[in-house]
C-alpha atoms as a PDB file:
ATOM      1  CA  MET A   1     -24.832  26.779-185.663  1.00  0.00           C
ATOM      2  CA  LYS A   2     -25.248  26.229-181.610  1.00  0.00           C
ATOM      3  CA  MET A   3     -27.438  23.144-182.334  1.00  0.00           C
ATOM      4  CA  THR A   4     -25.111  21.243-184.439  1.00  0.00           C
ATOM      5  CA  LEU A   5     -21.980  22.515-182.494  1.00  0.00           C
ATOM      6  CA  VAL A   6     -23.986  20.741-179.523  1.00  0.00           C
ATOM      7  CA  SER A   7     -24.830  17.768-181.405  1.00  0.00           C
ATOM      8  CA  VAL A   8     -21.188  17.179-182.523  1.00  0.00           C
ATOM      9  CA  LEU A   9     -20.211  17.225-178.566  1.00  0.00           C
ATOM     10  CA  ALA A  10     -22.773  15.234-177.602  1.00  0.00           C
ATOM     11  CA  PHE A  11     -21.782  12.267-180.144  1.00  0.00           C
ATOM     12  CA  LEU A  12     -18.074  12.978-179.407  1.00  0.00           C
ATOM     13  CA  LEU A  13     -18.250  12.485-175.582  1.00  0.00           C
ATOM     14  CA  SER A  14     -21.125   9.232-176.144  1.00  0.00           C
ATOM     15  CA  ALA A  15     -18.364   8.035-178.446  1.00  0.00           C
ATOM     16  CA  ALA A  16     -15.779   8.170-176.170  1.00  0.00           C
ATOM     17  CA  THR A  17     -17.430   5.976-173.373  1.00  0.00           C
ATOM     18  CA  VAL A  18     -18.900   3.266-176.120  1.00  0.00           C
ATOM     19  CA  ASN A  19     -15.137   1.544-176.051  1.00  0.00           C
ATOM     20  CA  ALA A  20     -15.278   1.173-171.957  1.00  0.00           C
ATOM     21  CA  GLY A  21     -16.702  -1.544-169.905  1.00  0.00           C
ATOM     22  CA  GLU A  22     -18.585  -1.655-166.657  1.00  0.00           C
ATOM     23  CA  ILE A  23     -17.567  -4.471-164.441  1.00  0.00           C
ATOM     24  CA  TYR A  24     -19.734  -5.016-161.308  1.00  0.00           C
ATOM     25  CA  GLY A  25     -21.292  -7.518-158.694  1.00  0.00           C
ATOM     26  CA  THR A  26     -20.738  -8.261-155.002  1.00  0.00           C
ATOM     27  CA  VAL A  27     -18.128  -9.982-152.580  1.00  0.00           C
ATOM     28  CA  THR A  28     -19.557 -11.965-149.994  1.00  0.00           C
ATOM     29  CA  GLU A  29     -18.382 -14.027-147.202  1.00  0.00           C
ATOM     30  CA  GLY A  30     -20.222 -16.487-145.246  1.00  0.00           C
ATOM     31  CA  GLY A  31     -23.104 -15.436-146.733  1.00  0.00           C
ATOM     32  CA  LYS A  32     -22.987 -11.758-146.118  1.00  0.00           C
ATOM     33  CA  PRO A  33     -21.367  -9.067-147.729  1.00  0.00           C
ATOM     34  CA  VAL A  34     -17.953  -8.447-146.911  1.00  0.00           C
ATOM     35  CA  ALA A  35     -17.336  -4.803-145.425  1.00  0.00           C
ATOM     36  CA  ALA A  36     -17.407  -1.546-147.013  1.00  0.00           C
ATOM     37  CA  GLY A  37     -14.172  -0.652-148.350  1.00  0.00           C
ATOM     38  CA  VAL A  38     -12.439  -3.694-149.113  1.00  0.00           C
ATOM     39  CA  LYS A  39     -10.037  -2.822-152.636  1.00  0.00           C
ATOM     40  CA  VAL A  40     -11.005  -4.582-155.524  1.00  0.00           C
ATOM     41  CA  GLU A  41      -8.515  -4.260-158.535  1.00  0.00           C
ATOM     42  CA  ILE A  42      -8.864  -5.283-162.114  1.00  0.00           C
ATOM     43  CA  LYS A  43      -5.982  -6.041-164.192  1.00  0.00           C
ATOM     44  CA  VAL A  44      -6.849  -6.582-167.891  1.00  0.00           C
ATOM     45  CA  ALA A  45      -4.068  -5.772-171.357  1.00  0.00           C
ATOM     46  CA  GLY A  46      -1.298  -5.006-168.476  1.00  0.00           C
ATOM     47  CA  LYS A  47      -3.415  -1.801-167.030  1.00  0.00           C
ATOM     48  CA  VAL A  48      -4.839  -1.898-163.575  1.00  0.00           C
ATOM     49  CA  TYR A  49      -8.282  -0.281-162.680  1.00  0.00           C
ATOM     50  CA  ALA A  50      -9.774  -0.221-158.987  1.00  0.00           C
ATOM     51  CA  GLY A  51     -12.555   0.205-156.956  1.00  0.00           C
ATOM     52  CA  GLU A  52     -13.935  -0.610-153.812  1.00  0.00           C
ATOM     53  CA  THR A  53     -16.727  -2.576-152.200  1.00  0.00           C
ATOM     54  CA  ASP A  54     -20.306  -0.376-150.557  1.00  0.00           C
ATOM     55  CA  LYS A  55     -21.894  -1.344-147.227  1.00  0.00           C
ATOM     56  CA  PHE A  56     -23.822  -4.029-149.385  1.00  0.00           C
ATOM     57  CA  GLY A  57     -20.377  -5.139-150.489  1.00  0.00           C
ATOM     58  CA  SER A  58     -21.050  -4.320-154.042  1.00  0.00           C
ATOM     59  CA  TYR A  59     -18.293  -3.035-156.549  1.00  0.00           C
ATOM     60  CA  ARG A  60     -18.391  -0.978-159.671  1.00  0.00           C
ATOM     61  CA  VAL A  61     -15.251  -0.487-162.018  1.00  0.00           C
ATOM     62  CA  ILE A  62     -14.645   1.046-165.485  1.00  0.00           C
ATOM     63  CA  VAL A  63     -12.123  -0.635-167.580  1.00  0.00           C
ATOM     64  CA  LYS A  64     -11.459   0.702-170.955  1.00  0.00           C
ATOM     65  CA  GLU A  65      -9.538  -2.463-172.113  1.00  0.00           C
ATOM     66  CA  LYS A  66     -11.170  -5.678-173.780  1.00  0.00           C
ATOM     67  CA  GLY A  67     -10.064  -9.227-173.170  1.00  0.00           C
ATOM     68  CA  LYS A  68      -8.963 -11.689-170.285  1.00  0.00           C
ATOM     69  CA  GLY A  69      -8.376 -10.035-166.898  1.00  0.00           C
ATOM     70  CA  MET A  70      -7.739 -10.804-163.316  1.00  0.00           C
ATOM     71  CA  LEU A  71      -9.715  -9.530-160.293  1.00  0.00           C
ATOM     72  CA  THR A  72      -7.902  -9.212-156.905  1.00  0.00           C
ATOM     73  CA  VAL A  73      -9.729  -8.630-153.824  1.00  0.00           C
ATOM     74  CA  HIS A  74      -7.425  -7.107-150.827  1.00  0.00           C
ATOM     75  CA  VAL A  75      -8.837  -8.356-147.528  1.00  0.00           C
ATOM     76  CA  ASN A  76      -7.596  -8.534-144.173  1.00  0.00           C
ATOM     77  CA  GLY A  77      -3.638  -8.906-145.703  1.00  0.00           C
ATOM     78  CA  GLN A  78      -4.365 -10.950-148.232  1.00  0.00           C
ATOM     79  CA  SER A  79      -5.025 -10.953-151.859  1.00  0.00           C
ATOM     80  CA  PRO A  80      -6.760 -13.844-153.503  1.00  0.00           C
ATOM     81  CA  SER A  81      -7.565 -13.405-157.628  1.00  0.00           C
ATOM     82  CA  LEU A  82      -9.184 -15.064-160.199  1.00  0.00           C
ATOM     83  CA  GLY A  83      -9.560 -14.841-163.800  1.00  0.00           C
ATOM     84  CA  LEU A  84     -12.219 -12.704-165.397  1.00  0.00           C
ATOM     85  CA  PHE A  85     -13.111 -11.245-169.337  1.00  0.00           C
ATOM     86  CA  SER A  86     -13.844  -7.496-169.906  1.00  0.00           C
ATOM     87  CA  TYR A  87     -16.043  -6.938-172.521  1.00  0.00           C
ATOM     88  CA  ASP A  88     -17.137  -3.296-174.056  1.00  0.00           C
ATOM     89  CA  LYS A  89     -20.361  -3.571-172.074  1.00  0.00           C
ATOM     90  CA  SER A  90     -21.524  -4.155-168.636  1.00  0.00           C
ATOM     91  CA  THR A  91     -20.614  -7.308-167.115  1.00  0.00           C
ATOM     92  CA  ARG A  92     -21.491  -8.570-163.844  1.00  0.00           C
ATOM     93  CA  TYR A  93     -19.602 -10.785-161.698  1.00  0.00           C
ATOM     94  CA  ASP A  94     -20.505 -11.680-158.108  1.00  0.00           C
ATOM     95  CA  TYR A  95     -17.669 -13.565-155.876  1.00  0.00           C
ATOM     96  CA  ILE A  96     -17.828 -15.439-152.657  1.00  0.00           C
ATOM     97  CA  LEU A  97     -14.723 -15.244-150.455  1.00  0.00           C
ATOM     98  CA  GLU A  98     -14.101 -18.611-148.345  1.00  0.00           C
ATOM     99  CA  MET A  99     -11.426 -19.168-145.325  1.00  0.00           C
ATOM    100  CA  LYS A 100      -9.570 -22.287-145.423  1.00  0.00           C
ATOM    101  CA  ASP A 101      -6.547 -22.646-143.047  1.00  0.00           C
ATOM    102  CA  SER A 102      -6.114 -18.988-141.964  1.00  0.00           C
ATOM    103  CA  THR A 103      -6.014 -18.210-146.410  1.00  0.00           C
ATOM    104  CA  PHE A 104      -8.800 -16.623-148.234  1.00  0.00           C
ATOM    105  CA  SER A 105      -9.709 -18.188-151.885  1.00  0.00           C
ATOM    106  CA  ILE A 106     -12.218 -16.700-153.996  1.00  0.00           C
ATOM    107  CA  ARG A 107     -14.841 -18.189-156.520  1.00  0.00           C
ATOM    108  CA  ARG A 108     -17.647 -16.833-158.820  1.00  0.00           C
ATOM    109  CA  LYS A 109     -21.174 -17.314-157.450  1.00  0.00           C
END
């Protein structure tokens, strides 16, 4: 009886995470990682998911919705954005911040 209950609980927990996808990657500027704590937002299907970079410029955000979305990086009072797609599996997106005329832009690596 206990084994059946444990099996059912394990199945339910794994089923709950199947629909969630992970978006991860790095953000660099001038060939170097951005500072730790840079805010990263991902908006898909009207919902916003947030994360931040670590000391290596890496970020990781779990996004429950699938489809077309937008990634926004909040750096030095600016918020450059770029489109992305969220899938039910992990997807890597590496980005490069570029400064031109005192304005940041972002592009995929």
